[in-house]
């Protein structure tokens, strides 16, 4: 019984280490926005779920879903240009 308990504790410990290492890898491997993208973010309305670039006379709304491991702010330069063309742009925020 002691041997099974010892093996179980080691197995759970190894799984936890692997999960923590995987989470750290995902966190540090995400692509971060450039400095010009961070500057473009300041014209958007932001909350926890989305970033909105309003157009003066909006024809349509474009919703952009960022790719995995890419910070949503990275797309702000593109969103700013599309908003200047007359389309409201919303960039959603998702985990990962």
C-alpha atoms as a PDB file:
ATOM      1  CA  UNK A   1       0.000   0.000   0.000  1.00  0.00           C
ATOM      2  CA  UNK A   2       2.838   2.399   0.827  1.00  0.00           C
ATOM      3  CA  UNK A   3       4.473   1.753  -2.529  1.00  0.00           C
ATOM      4  CA  UNK A   4       1.253   2.541  -4.448  1.00  0.00           C
ATOM      5  CA  UNK A   5       0.776   5.739  -2.458  1.00  0.00           C
ATOM      6  CA  UNK A   6       4.364   6.797  -3.140  1.00  0.00           C
ATOM      7  CA  UNK A   7       3.987   6.134  -6.879  1.00  0.00           C
ATOM      8  CA  UNK A   8       0.710   8.064  -6.949  1.00  0.00           C
ATOM      9  CA  UNK A   9       2.299  11.063  -5.220  1.00  0.00           C
ATOM     10  CA  UNK A  10       5.195  11.039  -7.708  1.00  0.00           C
ATOM     11  CA  UNK A  11       2.827  10.730 -10.645  1.00  0.00           C
ATOM     12  CA  UNK A  12       0.656  13.656  -9.476  1.00  0.00           C
ATOM     13  CA  UNK A  13       3.794  15.742  -8.839  1.00  0.00           C
ATOM     14  CA  UNK A  14       5.143  15.066 -12.323  1.00  0.00           C
ATOM     15  CA  UNK A  15       1.799  15.937 -13.917  1.00  0.00           C
ATOM     16  CA  UNK A  16       1.644  19.217 -11.964  1.00  0.00           C
ATOM     17  CA  UNK A  17       5.180  20.154 -13.023  1.00  0.00           C
ATOM     18  CA  UNK A  18       4.320  19.443 -16.664  1.00  0.00           C
ATOM     19  CA  UNK A  19       1.130  21.538 -16.448  1.00  0.00           C
ATOM     20  CA  UNK A  20       2.929  24.472 -14.817  1.00  0.00           C
ATOM     21  CA  UNK A  21       5.754  24.313 -17.369  1.00  0.00           C
ATOM     22  CA  UNK A  22       3.216  24.221 -20.224  1.00  0.00           C
ATOM     23  CA  UNK A  23       1.336  27.225 -18.861  1.00  0.00           C
ATOM     24  CA  UNK A  24       4.583  29.161 -18.466  1.00  0.00           C
ATOM     25  CA  UNK A  25       5.607  28.296 -22.019  1.00  0.00           C
ATOM     26  CA  UNK A  26       2.285  29.483 -23.432  1.00  0.00           C
ATOM     27  CA  UNK A  27       2.445  32.694 -21.424  1.00  0.00           C
ATOM     28  CA  UNK A  28       5.971  33.620 -22.495  1.00  0.00           C
ATOM     29  CA  UNK A  29       5.706  32.503 -26.131  1.00  0.00           C
ATOM     30  CA  UNK A  30       2.781  34.816 -26.995  1.00  0.00           C
ATOM     31  CA  UNK A  31       3.544  37.450 -29.608  1.00  0.00           C
ATOM     32  CA  UNK A  32       3.497  40.953 -28.156  1.00  0.00           C
ATOM     33  CA  UNK A  33       2.410  44.115 -30.017  1.00  0.00           C
ATOM     34  CA  UNK A  34       4.948  46.517 -31.487  1.00  0.00           C
ATOM     35  CA  UNK A  35       5.388  50.005 -30.069  1.00  0.00           C
ATOM     36  CA  UNK A  36       3.401  51.538 -32.948  1.00  0.00           C
ATOM     37  CA  UNK A  37       0.578  49.053 -32.303  1.00  0.00           C
ATOM     38  CA  UNK A  38       0.570  50.034 -28.621  1.00  0.00           C
ATOM     39  CA  UNK A  39       0.261  53.698 -29.655  1.00  0.00           C
ATOM     40  CA  UNK A  40      -2.660  52.945 -31.989  1.00  0.00           C
ATOM     41  CA  UNK A  41      -4.531  51.284 -29.118  1.00  0.00           C
ATOM     42  CA  UNK A  42      -4.981  54.624 -27.362  1.00  0.00           C
ATOM     43  CA  UNK A  43      -7.668  55.779 -29.811  1.00  0.00           C
ATOM     44  CA  UNK A  44      -9.828  52.703 -29.158  1.00  0.00           C
ATOM     45  CA  UNK A  45     -12.474  52.212 -26.506  1.00  0.00           C
ATOM     46  CA  UNK A  46     -11.396  49.250 -24.394  1.00  0.00           C
ATOM     47  CA  UNK A  47     -12.897  46.929 -21.854  1.00  0.00           C
ATOM     48  CA  UNK A  48     -12.026  43.393 -20.760  1.00  0.00           C
ATOM     49  CA  UNK A  49     -13.824  41.683 -23.631  1.00  0.00           C
ATOM     50  CA  UNK A  50     -13.158  43.845 -26.687  1.00  0.00           C
ATOM     51  CA  UNK A  51     -11.465  46.853 -28.206  1.00  0.00           C
ATOM     52  CA  UNK A  52     -13.553  49.138 -30.463  1.00  0.00           C
ATOM     53  CA  UNK A  53     -12.220  51.455 -33.168  1.00  0.00           C
ATOM     54  CA  UNK A  54     -15.144  53.700 -34.122  1.00  0.00           C
ATOM     55  CA  UNK A  55     -15.563  55.128 -37.608  1.00  0.00           C
ATOM     56  CA  UNK A  56     -17.161  58.550 -38.141  1.00  0.00           C
ATOM     57  CA  UNK A  57     -19.843  57.286 -40.505  1.00  0.00           C
ATOM     58  CA  UNK A  58     -19.814  53.552 -40.036  1.00  0.00           C
ATOM     59  CA  UNK A  59     -20.976  51.482 -42.996  1.00  0.00           C
ATOM     60  CA  UNK A  60     -20.509  48.119 -41.321  1.00  0.00           C
ATOM     61  CA  UNK A  61     -18.827  46.629 -38.282  1.00  0.00           C
ATOM     62  CA  UNK A  62     -15.877  44.302 -38.753  1.00  0.00           C
ATOM     63  CA  UNK A  63     -15.285  41.857 -35.903  1.00  0.00           C
ATOM     64  CA  UNK A  64     -11.782  40.505 -35.671  1.00  0.00           C
ATOM     65  CA  UNK A  65     -10.902  37.359 -33.729  1.00  0.00           C
ATOM     66  CA  UNK A  66      -7.170  37.385 -32.896  1.00  0.00           C
ATOM     67  CA  UNK A  67      -5.084  34.301 -33.517  1.00  0.00           C
ATOM     68  CA  UNK A  68      -3.859  32.036 -30.751  1.00  0.00           C
ATOM     69  CA  UNK A  69      -0.826  33.284 -28.832  1.00  0.00           C
ATOM     70  CA  UNK A  70      -1.095  36.776 -30.359  1.00  0.00           C
ATOM     71  CA  UNK A  71      -1.966  39.746 -28.160  1.00  0.00           C
ATOM     72  CA  UNK A  72      -5.134  41.498 -29.414  1.00  0.00           C
ATOM     73  CA  UNK A  73      -3.339  44.861 -29.328  1.00  0.00           C
ATOM     74  CA  UNK A  74      -1.080  43.585 -32.127  1.00  0.00           C
ATOM     75  CA  UNK A  75      -3.920  44.109 -34.594  1.00  0.00           C
ATOM     76  CA  UNK A  76      -4.585  47.729 -33.617  1.00  0.00           C
ATOM     77  CA  UNK A  77      -2.664  49.241 -36.554  1.00  0.00           C
ATOM     78  CA  UNK A  78      -4.793  47.262 -38.996  1.00  0.00           C
ATOM     79  CA  UNK A  79      -7.972  48.129 -37.084  1.00  0.00           C
ATOM     80  CA  UNK A  80      -7.118  51.844 -37.085  1.00  0.00           C
ATOM     81  CA  UNK A  81      -6.668  51.853 -40.872  1.00  0.00           C
ATOM     82  CA  UNK A  82      -9.933  50.012 -41.451  1.00  0.00           C
ATOM     83  CA  UNK A  83     -11.740  52.451 -39.119  1.00  0.00           C
ATOM     84  CA  UNK A  84     -10.307  55.368 -41.104  1.00  0.00           C
ATOM     85  CA  UNK A  85     -11.785  53.750 -44.227  1.00  0.00           C
ATOM     86  CA  UNK A  86     -15.265  54.015 -42.665  1.00  0.00           C
ATOM     87  CA  UNK A  87     -15.800  50.703 -40.922  1.00  0.00           C
ATOM     88  CA  UNK A  88     -16.125  50.240 -37.172  1.00  0.00           C
ATOM     89  CA  UNK A  89     -13.740  47.524 -35.986  1.00  0.00           C
ATOM     90  CA  UNK A  90     -14.107  45.358 -32.888  1.00  0.00           C
ATOM     91  CA  UNK A  91     -11.218  43.196 -31.708  1.00  0.00           C
ATOM     92  CA  UNK A  92     -12.319  40.507 -29.283  1.00  0.00           C
ATOM     93  CA  UNK A  93     -10.208  39.444 -26.313  1.00  0.00           C
ATOM     94  CA  UNK A  94      -9.959  35.715 -25.650  1.00  0.00           C
ATOM     95  CA  UNK A  95      -7.770  33.715 -23.312  1.00  0.00           C
ATOM     96  CA  UNK A  96      -4.644  32.392 -25.047  1.00  0.00           C
END
